């Protein structure tokens, strides 16, 4: 079966999208009015220049030392930010659990 990817339409969807239960929107409205613009700005900032965030993620993974491997070659592939969303990650830097 062939189907289009959301990323092919120009929207870099990441699987951990933020969401709110429909029944809680009104209850959380005042918080969401403050939070949503912050998240939107952060996403735009990351798309414009992901280098600092990617470096921080790689550094924190090394510091936490939980067995998860995440090298500098992985961040450019792992989101939908790469030029080829169907490409494979660098095999030498593929995340794995120890």
Protein backbone atom coordinates (compact mmCIF):
# COMPACT_ATOMS: atom_id res chain seq x y z
CA UNK A 1 0.00 0.00 0.00
CA UNK A 2 1.36 3.42 -0.91
CA UNK A 3 0.45 6.51 1.05
CA UNK A 4 1.88 10.04 1.38
CA UNK A 5 3.88 11.06 4.41
CA UNK A 6 2.89 14.19 6.32
CA UNK A 7 6.51 15.35 6.07
CA UNK A 8 6.30 15.16 2.26
CA UNK A 9 3.58 17.82 2.42
CA UNK A 10 6.02 20.18 4.14
CA UNK A 11 4.96 19.63 7.76
CA UNK A 12 7.85 18.22 9.83
CA UNK A 13 5.67 16.16 12.15
CA UNK A 14 7.51 14.59 15.03
CA UNK A 15 5.89 11.57 16.71
CA UNK A 16 5.81 13.17 20.14
CA UNK A 17 3.36 15.91 19.16
CA UNK A 18 1.82 17.76 22.08
CA UNK A 19 -1.89 17.31 22.61
CA UNK A 20 -4.65 17.98 25.14
CA UNK A 21 -7.72 15.86 25.80
CA UNK A 22 -10.78 17.58 24.28
CA UNK A 23 -12.55 17.53 27.63
CA UNK A 24 -9.71 19.41 29.33
CA UNK A 25 -9.20 22.25 26.83
CA UNK A 26 -11.42 24.72 28.70
CA UNK A 27 -9.90 23.82 32.08
CA UNK A 28 -6.35 24.29 30.72
CA UNK A 29 -7.10 27.30 28.49
CA UNK A 30 -5.22 29.89 30.59
CA UNK A 31 -2.13 27.67 30.70
CA UNK A 32 -2.34 26.80 27.00
CA UNK A 33 -2.58 30.49 26.04
CA UNK A 34 0.89 30.93 27.59
CA UNK A 35 2.39 27.54 26.71
CA UNK A 36 1.43 27.20 23.03
CA UNK A 37 3.30 30.34 21.82
CA UNK A 38 6.40 29.23 23.74
CA UNK A 39 6.32 25.77 22.13
CA UNK A 40 5.68 27.28 18.69
CA UNK A 41 8.62 29.67 19.06
CA UNK A 42 10.87 26.84 20.24
CA UNK A 43 9.94 24.72 17.23
CA UNK A 44 10.64 27.58 14.82
CA UNK A 45 13.94 28.35 16.53
CA UNK A 46 14.97 24.70 16.31
CA UNK A 47 14.04 24.45 12.64
CA UNK A 48 16.05 27.59 11.88
CA UNK A 49 19.15 26.45 13.78
CA UNK A 50 19.13 22.97 15.36
CA UNK A 51 22.88 22.78 16.05
CA UNK A 52 22.90 23.99 19.68
CA UNK A 53 19.95 21.78 20.68
CA UNK A 54 21.38 18.75 18.92
CA UNK A 55 24.74 19.26 20.63
CA UNK A 56 23.00 19.56 24.01
CA UNK A 57 21.06 16.33 23.44
CA UNK A 58 24.23 14.44 22.48
CA UNK A 59 26.03 15.87 25.52
CA UNK A 60 23.21 15.01 27.94
CA UNK A 61 22.93 11.45 26.63
CA UNK A 62 26.65 11.00 27.32
CA UNK A 63 26.36 12.57 30.79
CA UNK A 64 23.32 10.50 31.83
CA UNK A 65 25.16 7.33 30.76
CA UNK A 66 22.03 5.17 30.78
CA UNK A 67 23.15 2.89 27.96
CA UNK A 68 21.45 4.92 25.25
CA UNK A 69 23.84 5.83 22.43
CA UNK A 70 23.12 9.04 20.53
CA UNK A 71 26.03 10.45 18.58
CA UNK A 72 26.42 13.67 16.59
CA UNK A 73 25.42 11.88 13.37
CA UNK A 74 22.00 10.91 14.65
CA UNK A 75 20.17 14.24 15.31
CA UNK A 76 20.30 15.33 11.68
CA UNK A 77 18.46 12.19 10.67
CA UNK A 78 16.14 11.46 13.59
CA UNK A 79 13.67 14.27 13.11
CA UNK A 80 11.96 15.06 9.85
CA UNK A 81 14.46 17.83 9.31
CA UNK A 82 16.62 15.89 6.89
CA UNK A 83 16.26 16.35 3.15
CA UNK A 84 15.19 12.74 2.78
CA UNK A 85 12.66 11.61 5.40
CA UNK A 86 12.94 8.00 4.23
CA UNK A 87 16.70 7.84 4.50
CA UNK A 88 18.38 5.64 7.08
CA UNK A 89 20.34 6.91 10.07
CA UNK A 90 24.09 6.54 10.11
CA UNK A 91 24.57 2.91 11.18
CA UNK A 92 27.55 3.72 13.40
CA UNK A 93 25.45 6.11 15.46
CA UNK A 94 22.14 4.25 15.61
CA UNK A 95 20.60 4.60 19.10
CA UNK A 96 20.48 1.38 21.04
CA UNK A 97 19.99 0.18 24.56
CA UNK A 98 22.87 -1.56 26.27
